[in-house]
Amino acid sequence: MSRRLEIGALVALCVFLPLYEAPKSIFWALYVVLWIVNRVRARDFGGRWDAWDSLIAAWIVSGFAAAAFAGVRGGDEWRAPLDLLRYGSVLWLARRSRYAPGEVALALGALVFSTLVGLGMAYVAMWRGKGGGLQLNSVGHVNHTAIYLAIMFGVAVTWLFAAWQGWTAGARALGLAATLCILVGLVTTASRGAVGVGVLLSLLLALGWWRRSRVPLVVGAAALVVTAAALFAGGAEVLRKHEANVKANNVLSYRGEVWSMGLAAWREHPWFGVGMDNYGRITPYRRRLEQDNAAAPTHDPTAALEFAHGHSLFVNTLTERGLVGLAALAALLGALGLALVRNRPPSAAAGETWLLWGAALGAWLVTVGVGVFNTTLHHEHGILFALLAGFWLSRLPKR
């Protein structure tokens, strides 16, 4: 019964992750408590401490170290690391839990189901006149919604590749419909970075399938061509947005200026940064940049804009957590990327192995690729990344 309660809390977390804030937080806490209780009773916490544990611990601790030595005070530098603790703990627990294939499939199915429900709610909200674009209720801003949808598109595509031969015709139709709905939602967000990586994702994942089957590569290439043609033919919002930015000579949407502000603050506090969630409080450095620009031959009043975050996973981490935080993040993402390349499943591996590997690879590609221009690995899509990476890491041999 205690095992069932743990799985139930995990599945409930997956269901409410993009939908409602309070239930999501409650079931996360319940999952952590039940996991600890069950492992204490079994006297088995998933094996000895290893390098992955050290990487995850360093990643979590970097947030609290940045709070202790934050260069800017009076913000959320102590509350914000709790979010890092939340999705870091999910990665830790999922990685140390060798759940049965049926239990993992239940969690992944709950993620797909909740994404489709969340999309329905988002479209209704748009129809009723709510501004801000397509937004999953508990994910929020359209850019963060796009990141979440891009990761889930990778999950849906991977599931099709891994289970297509074993599915009935009805299951295949449902799988294709769910994948298409998520892709349409992703394109609707008009978030250029997430849409770009998402459109390429089916082809990139298909390349990883080359050892097992050539069919996904053909399907992925065809899907890429059809999607690109539909975008151009339909005049999608993401293309109109890009054209408008090009005409305004603002292709990066002021990201260069936002990054300049963050880097100016980082140079003042290079080791531990200004503290998590304090990006919007670095006004002294913004004013200093404005003064420097005013003294320049051509003054640009937009050269240092004030934003709540750095619109880049890497610039944001460097500014808020310094070199220590960026090193911890780079070590974790680098190790995971290397492990995904080195541990690609053999062609004869079970479909579940390929599913978990592909889902983790898709989450990594979106987190790193979109993270160049948007703040990925945050809140809901941080938990989503942690779940998918943790499920796959749990299948690797303990070293």
Protein backbone atom coordinates (compact mmCIF):
# COMPACT_ATOMS: atom_id res chain seq x y z
CA MET A 1 0.00 0.00 0.00
CA SER A 2 2.80 2.45 0.84
CA ARG A 3 4.35 1.78 -2.56
CA ARG A 4 1.03 2.47 -4.26
CA LEU A 5 0.68 5.71 -2.31
CA GLU A 6 4.12 6.81 -3.48
CA ILE A 7 3.29 6.06 -7.11
CA GLY A 8 -0.07 7.77 -6.67
CA ALA A 9 1.59 10.93 -5.37
CA LEU A 10 4.06 10.87 -8.27
CA VAL A 11 1.29 10.44 -10.85
CA ALA A 12 -0.76 13.21 -9.19
CA LEU A 13 2.27 15.50 -9.37
CA CYS A 14 2.51 14.74 -13.10
CA VAL A 15 -1.20 15.45 -13.57
CA PHE A 16 -1.23 18.81 -11.78
CA LEU A 17 2.23 19.97 -12.91
CA PRO A 18 1.00 22.21 -15.78
CA LEU A 19 -2.51 22.76 -14.37
CA TYR A 20 -2.76 24.05 -10.79
CA GLU A 21 -0.17 25.46 -8.41
CA ALA A 22 -1.43 24.36 -4.98
CA PRO A 23 -2.14 20.66 -5.76
CA LYS A 24 1.21 20.43 -7.58
CA SER A 25 3.07 21.67 -4.48
CA ILE A 26 1.08 19.43 -2.15
CA PHE A 27 1.72 16.27 -4.15
CA TRP A 28 5.40 17.12 -4.57
CA ALA A 29 5.76 17.33 -0.79
CA LEU A 30 3.71 14.15 -0.32
CA TYR A 31 5.84 12.30 -2.87
CA VAL A 32 9.06 13.31 -1.10
CA VAL A 33 7.73 12.25 2.32
CA LEU A 34 6.39 8.90 1.06
CA TRP A 35 9.63 8.21 -0.82
CA ILE A 36 11.70 8.79 2.31
CA VAL A 37 9.37 6.73 4.51
CA ASN A 38 9.38 3.82 2.09
CA ARG A 39 13.17 3.85 1.75
CA VAL A 40 13.67 4.00 5.50
CA ARG A 41 11.36 1.02 5.94
CA ALA A 42 13.16 -0.91 3.19
CA ARG A 43 16.61 0.27 4.36
CA ASP A 44 17.46 0.84 0.73
CA PHE A 45 18.02 4.34 -0.67
CA GLY A 46 19.08 3.22 -4.13
CA GLY A 47 22.68 2.24 -3.58
CA ARG A 48 25.89 3.95 -2.52
CA TRP A 49 26.70 7.61 -3.05
CA ASP A 50 28.22 8.20 -6.49
CA ALA A 51 29.23 10.95 -8.89
CA TRP A 52 25.65 11.72 -9.92
CA ASP A 53 24.73 12.37 -6.29
CA SER A 54 27.66 14.78 -6.00
CA LEU A 55 26.64 16.64 -9.16
CA ILE A 56 23.01 17.00 -8.07
CA ALA A 57 24.03 18.05 -4.55
CA ALA A 58 26.45 20.67 -5.90
CA TRP A 59 23.73 22.01 -8.20
CA ILE A 60 21.27 22.42 -5.30
CA VAL A 61 23.85 23.82 -2.87
CA SER A 62 24.98 26.43 -5.42
CA GLY A 63 21.64 28.22 -5.03
CA PHE A 64 21.96 28.48 -1.25
CA ALA A 65 25.63 29.47 -1.53
CA ALA A 66 24.57 32.30 -3.84
CA ALA A 67 22.01 33.37 -1.23
CA ALA A 68 24.61 33.36 1.56
CA PHE A 69 27.07 35.49 -0.45
CA ALA A 70 24.58 37.38 -2.64
CA GLY A 71 25.84 40.69 -3.97
CA VAL A 72 22.32 42.17 -3.83
CA ARG A 73 20.15 41.91 -0.71
CA GLY A 74 16.51 42.42 0.10
CA GLY A 75 15.03 40.25 -2.64
CA ASP A 76 14.14 36.55 -2.89
CA GLU A 77 17.68 35.21 -2.66
CA TRP A 78 16.71 32.78 0.15
CA ARG A 79 13.27 31.78 -1.14
CA ALA A 80 14.30 31.17 -4.75
CA PRO A 81 16.74 28.30 -3.96
CA LEU A 82 13.76 26.38 -2.59
CA ASP A 83 12.55 26.01 -6.18
CA LEU A 84 15.96 24.65 -7.11
CA LEU A 85 15.65 22.26 -4.16
CA ARG A 86 12.24 21.20 -5.40
CA TYR A 87 13.20 20.11 -8.91
CA GLY A 88 16.65 19.02 -7.78
CA SER A 89 15.04 16.68 -5.25
CA VAL A 90 12.75 15.27 -7.96
CA LEU A 91 15.82 14.45 -10.05
CA TRP A 92 17.53 12.89 -7.06
CA LEU A 93 14.58 10.73 -5.98
CA ALA A 94 13.60 9.63 -9.50
CA ARG A 95 17.19 8.72 -10.24
CA ARG A 96 17.41 6.55 -7.09
CA SER A 97 14.09 4.79 -7.77
CA ARG A 98 14.04 1.92 -10.21
CA TYR A 99 10.34 2.06 -10.94
CA ALA A 100 8.75 -0.76 -12.91
CA PRO A 101 8.04 -0.10 -16.61
CA GLY A 102 4.31 0.06 -15.94
CA GLU A 103 4.80 2.66 -13.19
CA VAL A 104 6.98 4.84 -15.41
CA ALA A 105 4.49 4.54 -18.28
CA LEU A 106 1.73 5.64 -15.89
CA ALA A 107 3.70 8.76 -14.94
CA LEU A 108 4.53 9.58 -18.57
CA GLY A 109 0.93 9.02 -19.59
CA ALA A 110 -0.18 11.41 -16.85
CA LEU A 111 2.24 14.03 -18.21
CA VAL A 112 0.83 13.71 -21.73
CA PHE A 113 -2.77 13.73 -20.45
CA SER A 114 -2.25 16.84 -18.30
CA THR A 115 -0.54 18.64 -21.19
CA LEU A 116 -3.54 18.03 -23.45
CA VAL A 117 -5.95 19.15 -20.71
CA GLY A 118 -3.81 22.21 -20.06
CA LEU A 119 -3.84 23.09 -23.75
CA GLY A 120 -7.62 22.87 -23.79
CA MET A 121 -7.83 25.20 -20.79
CA ALA A 122 -5.36 27.61 -22.43
CA TYR A 123 -7.34 27.80 -25.67
CA VAL A 124 -10.54 28.47 -23.71
CA ALA A 125 -8.80 31.28 -21.82
CA MET A 126 -7.62 32.80 -25.11
CA TRP A 127 -11.13 32.51 -26.56
CA ARG A 128 -12.48 34.40 -23.54
CA GLY A 129 -10.10 37.25 -24.23
CA LYS A 130 -7.27 36.59 -21.79
CA GLY A 131 -4.14 38.30 -23.07
CA GLY A 132 -0.55 37.13 -23.01
CA GLY A 133 -0.81 34.39 -25.63
CA LEU A 134 -1.18 30.68 -25.09
CA GLN A 135 -0.38 29.86 -21.45
CA LEU A 136 -0.67 26.62 -19.51
CA ASN A 137 -2.42 27.60 -16.29
CA SER A 138 0.31 26.64 -13.81
CA VAL A 139 3.25 27.28 -16.14
CA GLY A 140 2.40 30.88 -16.95
CA HIS A 141 4.23 33.12 -19.40
CA VAL A 142 4.02 32.08 -23.03
CA ASN A 143 7.79 31.51 -23.29
CA HIS A 144 7.76 29.14 -20.32
CA THR A 145 4.68 27.39 -21.73
CA ALA A 146 6.56 26.95 -25.01
CA ILE A 147 9.52 25.36 -23.21
CA TYR A 148 7.20 22.93 -21.42
CA LEU A 149 5.39 22.03 -24.66
CA ALA A 150 8.67 21.53 -26.54
CA ILE A 151 9.84 19.01 -23.93
CA MET A 152 6.48 17.22 -24.02
CA PHE A 153 6.57 17.14 -27.82
CA GLY A 154 9.85 15.25 -27.48
CA VAL A 155 8.17 12.80 -25.09
CA ALA A 156 5.25 12.23 -27.48
CA VAL A 157 7.51 11.73 -30.50
CA THR A 158 9.75 9.35 -28.59
CA TRP A 159 6.78 7.32 -27.41
CA LEU A 160 5.60 6.96 -31.02
CA PHE A 161 9.03 5.80 -32.16
CA ALA A 162 9.48 3.36 -29.26
CA ALA A 163 6.04 1.76 -29.18
CA TRP A 164 4.65 2.09 -32.71
CA GLN A 165 5.13 -1.55 -33.71
CA GLY A 166 3.44 -2.86 -30.56
CA TRP A 167 0.43 -0.55 -30.67
CA THR A 168 -2.96 -1.27 -32.20
CA ALA A 169 -4.30 0.96 -34.97
CA GLY A 170 -6.46 2.82 -32.45
CA ALA A 171 -3.51 3.48 -30.13
CA ARG A 172 -1.44 4.73 -33.05
CA ALA A 173 -4.19 7.15 -34.06
CA LEU A 174 -4.47 8.48 -30.50
CA GLY A 175 -0.70 8.83 -30.24
CA LEU A 176 -0.48 10.73 -33.52
CA ALA A 177 -3.38 12.99 -32.52
CA ALA A 178 -1.80 13.80 -29.13
CA THR A 179 1.56 14.53 -30.75
CA LEU A 180 -0.04 16.80 -33.34
CA CYS A 181 -2.02 18.69 -30.67
CA ILE A 182 1.14 19.38 -28.68
CA LEU A 183 2.99 20.51 -31.82
CA VAL A 184 0.15 22.88 -32.79
CA GLY A 185 0.16 24.29 -29.26
CA LEU A 186 3.91 24.81 -29.43
CA VAL A 187 3.66 26.68 -32.74
CA THR A 188 0.78 28.78 -31.35
CA THR A 189 3.02 30.14 -28.60
CA ALA A 190 5.13 31.90 -31.29
CA SER A 191 8.19 31.55 -29.05
CA ARG A 192 10.91 31.48 -31.69
CA GLY A 193 13.57 29.54 -29.75
CA ALA A 194 11.21 26.85 -28.48
CA VAL A 195 9.41 26.50 -31.82
CA GLY A 196 12.71 26.24 -33.68
CA VAL A 197 14.13 23.55 -31.41
CA GLY A 198 10.77 21.78 -31.21
CA VAL A 199 10.38 21.59 -34.99
CA LEU A 200 13.88 20.11 -35.28
CA LEU A 201 13.34 17.75 -32.36
CA SER A 202 11.59 14.96 -34.29
CA LEU A 203 14.48 14.84 -36.77
CA LEU A 204 17.16 14.94 -34.05
CA LEU A 205 15.48 12.15 -32.11
CA ALA A 206 15.07 10.13 -35.31
CA LEU A 207 18.82 10.37 -35.90
CA GLY A 208 19.31 8.81 -32.48
CA TRP A 209 17.04 5.95 -33.57
CA TRP A 210 19.25 5.07 -36.54
CA ARG A 211 20.75 2.07 -34.74
CA ARG A 212 17.31 0.62 -34.04
CA SER A 213 15.29 1.61 -37.11
CA ARG A 214 15.54 3.79 -40.21
CA VAL A 215 11.80 4.49 -40.34
CA PRO A 216 11.80 7.28 -37.70
CA LEU A 217 14.38 9.22 -39.71
CA VAL A 218 12.13 9.16 -42.78
CA VAL A 219 9.12 10.12 -40.65
CA GLY A 220 11.07 12.84 -38.83
CA ALA A 221 12.36 14.37 -42.06
CA ALA A 222 8.87 14.30 -43.59
CA ALA A 223 7.37 15.86 -40.45
CA LEU A 224 10.00 18.61 -40.52
CA VAL A 225 9.29 19.44 -44.17
CA VAL A 226 5.50 19.40 -43.70
CA THR A 227 5.67 21.54 -40.55
CA ALA A 228 7.99 24.08 -42.15
CA ALA A 229 5.78 24.27 -45.26
CA ALA A 230 2.68 24.73 -43.10
CA LEU A 231 4.37 27.51 -41.14
CA PHE A 232 5.33 29.43 -44.26
CA ALA A 233 2.06 28.79 -46.10
CA GLY A 234 -0.11 29.71 -43.12
CA GLY A 235 1.84 32.80 -42.17
CA ALA A 236 2.28 31.59 -38.60
CA GLU A 237 2.55 34.15 -35.81
CA VAL A 238 6.10 33.04 -35.02
CA LEU A 239 7.18 34.06 -38.55
CA ARG A 240 5.35 37.40 -38.40
CA LYS A 241 6.97 38.07 -35.03
CA HIS A 242 10.42 37.37 -36.42
CA GLU A 243 9.81 39.55 -39.49
CA ALA A 244 8.67 42.44 -37.29
CA ASN A 245 11.79 42.15 -35.15
CA VAL A 246 14.01 42.07 -38.23
CA LYS A 247 12.37 45.22 -39.63
CA ALA A 248 12.83 46.93 -36.25
CA ASN A 249 16.50 45.88 -36.22
CA ASN A 250 15.77 44.03 -32.99
CA VAL A 251 16.19 40.34 -33.88
CA LEU A 252 17.03 39.28 -30.31
CA SER A 253 14.19 41.30 -28.69
CA TYR A 254 16.62 43.38 -26.61
CA ARG A 255 18.31 40.27 -25.25
CA GLY A 256 21.75 41.68 -26.01
CA GLU A 257 21.00 44.68 -23.83
CA VAL A 258 19.54 42.52 -21.06
CA TRP A 259 22.62 40.29 -21.13
CA SER A 260 24.88 43.35 -20.96
CA MET A 261 23.13 44.43 -17.78
CA GLY A 262 23.54 40.97 -16.25
CA LEU A 263 27.20 40.70 -17.19
CA ALA A 264 27.87 44.12 -15.72
CA ALA A 265 26.43 42.92 -12.41
CA TRP A 266 28.36 39.65 -12.62
CA ARG A 267 31.67 41.45 -13.04
CA GLU A 268 31.01 43.11 -9.67
CA HIS A 269 30.15 39.77 -7.99
CA PRO A 270 31.93 37.08 -10.04
CA TRP A 271 31.94 34.10 -7.66
CA PHE A 272 28.40 33.86 -6.23
CA GLY A 273 26.47 36.44 -8.25
CA VAL A 274 23.67 38.68 -7.04
CA GLY A 275 21.46 35.89 -5.67
CA MET A 276 18.68 33.88 -7.29
CA ASP A 277 15.66 35.88 -8.51
CA ASN A 278 17.54 39.14 -7.94
CA TYR A 279 18.13 39.84 -11.64
CA GLY A 280 15.40 42.49 -11.59
CA ARG A 281 17.06 44.28 -8.67
CA ILE A 282 20.39 45.10 -10.29
CA THR A 283 19.38 48.69 -11.11
CA PRO A 284 22.71 50.22 -9.95
CA TYR A 285 24.46 48.29 -12.71
CA ARG A 286 21.77 49.34 -15.21
CA ARG A 287 22.35 53.00 -14.31
CA ARG A 288 26.10 52.53 -14.62
CA LEU A 289 25.66 51.08 -18.09
CA GLU A 290 23.40 53.97 -19.04
CA GLN A 291 26.06 56.44 -17.90
CA ASP A 292 28.74 54.61 -19.87
CA ASN A 293 26.53 54.58 -22.96
CA ALA A 294 25.65 58.25 -22.54
CA ALA A 295 29.36 59.09 -22.66
CA ALA A 296 29.76 57.11 -25.88
CA PRO A 297 29.66 58.88 -29.25
CA THR A 298 26.24 57.32 -30.03
CA HIS A 299 23.98 57.01 -27.01
CA ASP A 300 21.49 54.12 -27.11
CA PRO A 301 18.75 54.58 -24.43
CA THR A 302 17.71 50.92 -24.78
CA ALA A 303 21.19 49.53 -24.11
CA ALA A 304 20.34 48.45 -20.56
CA LEU A 305 16.74 47.40 -20.00
CA GLU A 306 15.42 46.11 -16.71
CA PHE A 307 14.00 42.58 -16.75
CA ALA A 308 13.12 40.06 -14.06
CA HIS A 309 15.48 37.44 -15.49
CA GLY A 310 18.25 37.14 -18.04
CA HIS A 311 16.33 35.51 -20.92
CA SER A 312 19.08 32.90 -21.07
CA LEU A 313 19.68 29.95 -18.80
CA PHE A 314 23.42 30.53 -18.87
CA VAL A 315 23.53 34.33 -18.52
CA ASN A 316 20.86 34.17 -15.83
CA THR A 317 22.78 31.52 -13.88
CA LEU A 318 26.07 33.37 -14.21
CA THR A 319 24.52 36.64 -13.03
CA GLU A 320 22.51 35.21 -10.14
CA ARG A 321 24.82 32.37 -8.97
CA GLY A 322 28.20 33.45 -10.30
CA LEU A 323 30.97 31.20 -11.53
CA VAL A 324 30.27 28.69 -8.76
CA GLY A 325 26.64 28.26 -9.82
CA LEU A 326 27.42 28.16 -13.53
CA ALA A 327 30.13 25.54 -12.96
CA ALA A 328 27.67 23.33 -11.03
CA LEU A 329 25.04 23.68 -13.75
CA ALA A 330 27.54 23.08 -16.58
CA ALA A 331 28.92 20.00 -14.83
CA LEU A 332 25.45 18.48 -14.42
CA LEU A 333 24.25 19.24 -17.95
CA GLY A 334 27.60 18.25 -19.47
CA ALA A 335 27.66 14.94 -17.60
CA LEU A 336 24.08 14.19 -18.62
CA GLY A 337 24.75 15.02 -22.26
CA LEU A 338 27.87 12.84 -22.29
CA ALA A 339 25.98 9.99 -20.60
CA LEU A 340 23.18 10.20 -23.19
CA VAL A 341 25.72 9.89 -26.02
CA ARG A 342 27.75 7.12 -24.41
CA ASN A 343 24.76 5.07 -23.25
CA ARG A 344 22.56 5.10 -26.33
CA PRO A 345 20.61 1.83 -26.14
CA PRO A 346 21.62 -1.10 -28.35
CA SER A 347 19.25 -1.95 -31.17
CA ALA A 348 17.93 -5.00 -29.30
CA ALA A 349 17.10 -3.04 -26.12
CA ALA A 350 13.52 -3.01 -24.84
CA GLY A 351 11.13 -0.34 -26.04
CA GLU A 352 10.96 1.13 -22.52
CA THR A 353 14.72 1.68 -22.54
CA TRP A 354 14.50 3.56 -25.82
CA LEU A 355 11.51 5.55 -24.56
CA LEU A 356 13.31 6.75 -21.43
CA TRP A 357 16.50 7.51 -23.34
CA GLY A 358 14.65 9.48 -26.02
CA ALA A 359 12.54 11.42 -23.52
CA ALA A 360 15.64 12.40 -21.53
CA LEU A 361 17.51 13.33 -24.72
CA GLY A 362 14.63 15.52 -25.88
CA ALA A 363 14.44 17.25 -22.49
CA TRP A 364 18.21 17.86 -22.57
CA LEU A 365 18.14 19.26 -26.13
CA VAL A 366 15.30 21.66 -25.31
CA THR A 367 16.83 22.74 -21.99
CA VAL A 368 20.25 23.45 -23.50
CA GLY A 369 19.16 24.60 -26.97
CA VAL A 370 16.33 26.89 -25.94
CA GLY A 371 18.35 27.85 -22.85
CA VAL A 372 20.66 29.95 -25.01
CA PHE A 373 17.85 32.49 -25.55
CA ASN A 374 15.37 31.73 -22.75
CA THR A 375 15.52 30.86 -19.05
CA THR A 376 14.90 27.11 -19.13
CA LEU A 377 15.28 24.70 -16.19
CA HIS A 378 12.90 26.77 -14.09
CA HIS A 379 9.76 25.94 -12.09
CA GLU A 380 7.45 23.53 -13.97
CA HIS A 381 9.71 22.73 -16.89
CA GLY A 382 12.53 22.31 -14.38
CA ILE A 383 10.52 19.59 -12.62
CA LEU A 384 9.60 18.06 -15.98
CA PHE A 385 13.27 17.92 -17.00
CA ALA A 386 14.16 16.41 -13.61
CA LEU A 387 11.54 13.66 -13.93
CA LEU A 388 12.57 12.61 -17.44
CA ALA A 389 16.30 12.73 -16.69
CA GLY A 390 15.79 10.89 -13.39
CA PHE A 391 13.74 8.09 -14.94
CA TRP A 392 16.47 7.45 -17.51
CA LEU A 393 19.38 7.74 -15.07
CA SER A 394 17.70 5.17 -12.83
CA ARG A 395 18.23 2.61 -15.61
CA LEU A 396 22.00 3.17 -15.85
CA PRO A 397 24.31 0.76 -13.99
CA LYS A 398 25.40 2.09 -10.62
CA ARG A 399 29.12 2.94 -10.57
